[in-house]
Amino acid sequence: MGNGRTIEAGDVQYMSAGRGVLHSEFNPSAEERVHFLQIWLLPNESGGAPLYAEKAPWVAIFPGVAISLAVFGFNLLGDSLRDALDPKLRGRS
């Protein structure tokens, strides 16, 4: 690909190195510290085509918030059903 990019604060980047791609990270600033989260997933097959994409932060944040709210909602539903249907808990307030 022959590309170089600087990821700004709040940006989200997706990359698959694929075959023949060299990947590295470095902090271009001598004064500012860098904080980032990096997750590596190993593909099922090696030698795939390289991929690269950058997204606005809301593209990654919105689905995460939606999934968190769904999990929280199902947790509340499960607790309510347990409280209503568990014979060991009947008669307690």
C-alpha atoms as a PDB file:
ATOM      1  CA  MET A   1       0.000   0.000   0.000  1.00  0.00           C
ATOM      2  CA  GLY A   2       2.868   2.388   0.736  1.00  0.00           C
ATOM      3  CA  ASN A   3       0.797   4.528   3.073  1.00  0.00           C
ATOM      4  CA  GLY A   4       1.538   6.277   6.325  1.00  0.00           C
ATOM      5  CA  ARG A   5      -1.146   7.807   8.546  1.00  0.00           C
ATOM      6  CA  THR A   6      -1.367   9.704  11.801  1.00  0.00           C
ATOM      7  CA  ILE A   7      -4.343   8.694  13.887  1.00  0.00           C
ATOM      8  CA  GLU A   8      -5.760  11.674  15.763  1.00  0.00           C
ATOM      9  CA  ALA A   9      -7.384  11.604  19.211  1.00  0.00           C
ATOM     10  CA  GLY A  10     -10.721   9.809  19.076  1.00  0.00           C
ATOM     11  CA  ASP A  11     -10.111   8.152  15.696  1.00  0.00           C
ATOM     12  CA  VAL A  12     -10.798   4.476  15.073  1.00  0.00           C
ATOM     13  CA  GLN A  13      -8.666   2.449  12.673  1.00  0.00           C
ATOM     14  CA  TYR A  14      -9.146  -1.036  11.241  1.00  0.00           C
ATOM     15  CA  MET A  15      -6.260  -2.772   9.558  1.00  0.00           C
ATOM     16  CA  SER A  16      -5.467  -6.237   8.279  1.00  0.00           C
ATOM     17  CA  ALA A  17      -1.775  -6.505   7.428  1.00  0.00           C
ATOM     18  CA  GLY A  18      -2.302  -9.399   5.058  1.00  0.00           C
ATOM     19  CA  ARG A  19       0.472 -10.617   2.807  1.00  0.00           C
ATOM     20  CA  GLY A  20       3.532  -8.487   2.279  1.00  0.00           C
ATOM     21  CA  VAL A  21       2.575  -5.581   4.551  1.00  0.00           C
ATOM     22  CA  LEU A  22       4.867  -4.216   7.259  1.00  0.00           C
ATOM     23  CA  HIS A  23       3.026  -2.601  10.169  1.00  0.00           C
ATOM     24  CA  SER A  24       4.443  -0.420  12.947  1.00  0.00           C
ATOM     25  CA  GLU A  25       3.361   2.221  15.439  1.00  0.00           C
ATOM     26  CA  PHE A  26       5.315   5.127  16.844  1.00  0.00           C
ATOM     27  CA  ASN A  27       4.638   8.409  18.608  1.00  0.00           C
ATOM     28  CA  PRO A  28       5.610  11.316  16.330  1.00  0.00           C
ATOM     29  CA  SER A  29       5.566  13.772  19.263  1.00  0.00           C
ATOM     30  CA  ALA A  30       8.510  14.130  21.633  1.00  0.00           C
ATOM     31  CA  GLU A  31       6.381  16.094  24.139  1.00  0.00           C
ATOM     32  CA  GLU A  32       3.002  14.330  24.234  1.00  0.00           C
ATOM     33  CA  ARG A  33       2.271  10.867  25.601  1.00  0.00           C
ATOM     34  CA  VAL A  34       0.271   8.372  23.551  1.00  0.00           C
ATOM     35  CA  HIS A  35      -2.593   6.242  24.848  1.00  0.00           C
ATOM     36  CA  PHE A  36      -4.280   3.719  22.596  1.00  0.00           C
ATOM     37  CA  LEU A  37      -6.063   0.397  22.686  1.00  0.00           C
ATOM     38  CA  GLN A  38      -4.920  -2.223  20.219  1.00  0.00           C
ATOM     39  CA  ILE A  39      -6.615  -5.579  19.737  1.00  0.00           C
ATOM     40  CA  TRP A  40      -5.020  -8.275  17.584  1.00  0.00           C
ATOM     41  CA  LEU A  41      -7.144 -11.038  16.094  1.00  0.00           C
ATOM     42  CA  LEU A  42      -5.542 -13.935  14.247  1.00  0.00           C
ATOM     43  CA  PRO A  43      -7.276 -14.822  10.972  1.00  0.00           C
ATOM     44  CA  ASN A  44      -8.368 -18.350  10.108  1.00  0.00           C
ATOM     45  CA  GLU A  45      -6.127 -18.291   7.023  1.00  0.00           C
ATOM     46  CA  SER A  46      -2.812 -16.544   6.469  1.00  0.00           C
ATOM     47  CA  GLY A  47      -1.759 -14.551   3.419  1.00  0.00           C
ATOM     48  CA  GLY A  48      -5.014 -12.646   2.934  1.00  0.00           C
ATOM     49  CA  ALA A  49      -5.348  -9.343   1.127  1.00  0.00           C
ATOM     50  CA  PRO A  50      -4.383  -6.245   3.130  1.00  0.00           C
ATOM     51  CA  LEU A  51      -7.272  -4.065   4.328  1.00  0.00           C
ATOM     52  CA  TYR A  52      -7.367  -0.596   5.848  1.00  0.00           C
ATOM     53  CA  ALA A  53     -10.176   1.679   6.993  1.00  0.00           C
ATOM     54  CA  GLU A  54     -10.650   4.660   9.288  1.00  0.00           C
ATOM     55  CA  LYS A  55     -13.973   5.513  10.812  1.00  0.00           C
ATOM     56  CA  ALA A  56     -15.435   8.386  12.762  1.00  0.00           C
ATOM     57  CA  PRO A  57     -15.565   7.509  16.476  1.00  0.00           C
ATOM     58  CA  TRP A  58     -19.368   7.370  16.556  1.00  0.00           C
ATOM     59  CA  VAL A  59     -19.309   4.490  14.060  1.00  0.00           C
ATOM     60  CA  ALA A  60     -17.583   2.341  16.686  1.00  0.00           C
ATOM     61  CA  ILE A  61     -19.129   3.897  19.796  1.00  0.00           C
ATOM     62  CA  PHE A  62     -22.816   3.704  18.789  1.00  0.00           C
ATOM     63  CA  PRO A  63     -22.885  -0.105  18.298  1.00  0.00           C
ATOM     64  CA  GLY A  64     -20.951  -0.580  21.542  1.00  0.00           C
ATOM     65  CA  VAL A  65     -23.456   1.522  23.485  1.00  0.00           C
ATOM     66  CA  ALA A  66     -26.373  -0.272  21.809  1.00  0.00           C
ATOM     67  CA  ILE A  67     -24.957  -3.693  22.706  1.00  0.00           C
ATOM     68  CA  SER A  68     -24.286  -2.568  26.295  1.00  0.00           C
ATOM     69  CA  LEU A  69     -27.858  -1.309  26.681  1.00  0.00           C
ATOM     70  CA  ALA A  70     -29.246  -4.544  25.236  1.00  0.00           C
ATOM     71  CA  VAL A  71     -27.152  -6.662  27.617  1.00  0.00           C
ATOM     72  CA  PHE A  72     -28.183  -4.482  30.570  1.00  0.00           C
ATOM     73  CA  GLY A  73     -31.850  -4.754  29.543  1.00  0.00           C
ATOM     74  CA  PHE A  74     -31.708  -8.546  29.258  1.00  0.00           C
ATOM     75  CA  ASN A  75     -29.949  -8.685  32.631  1.00  0.00           C
ATOM     76  CA  LEU A  76     -32.776  -6.672  34.224  1.00  0.00           C
ATOM     77  CA  LEU A  77     -35.370  -8.867  32.503  1.00  0.00           C
ATOM     78  CA  GLY A  78     -33.628 -12.026  33.737  1.00  0.00           C
ATOM     79  CA  ASP A  79     -33.435 -10.703  37.307  1.00  0.00           C
ATOM     80  CA  SER A  80     -37.116  -9.759  37.229  1.00  0.00           C
ATOM     81  CA  LEU A  81     -38.145 -13.172  35.907  1.00  0.00           C
ATOM     82  CA  ARG A  82     -36.010 -14.905  38.527  1.00  0.00           C
ATOM     83  CA  ASP A  83     -37.544 -12.808  41.305  1.00  0.00           C
ATOM     84  CA  ALA A  84     -41.055 -13.496  40.038  1.00  0.00           C
ATOM     85  CA  LEU A  85     -40.683 -17.214  39.305  1.00  0.00           C
ATOM     86  CA  ASP A  86     -38.125 -18.613  41.767  1.00  0.00           C
ATOM     87  CA  PRO A  87     -40.024 -20.524  44.473  1.00  0.00           C
ATOM     88  CA  LYS A  88     -37.167 -19.975  46.956  1.00  0.00           C
ATOM     89  CA  LEU A  89     -37.671 -16.216  46.702  1.00  0.00           C
ATOM     90  CA  ARG A  90     -41.468 -16.179  47.018  1.00  0.00           C
ATOM     91  CA  GLY A  91     -42.708 -14.491  50.150  1.00  0.00           C
ATOM     92  CA  ARG A  92     -39.593 -12.294  50.499  1.00  0.00           C
ATOM     93  CA  SER A  93     -39.765  -8.572  50.025  1.00  0.00           C
END
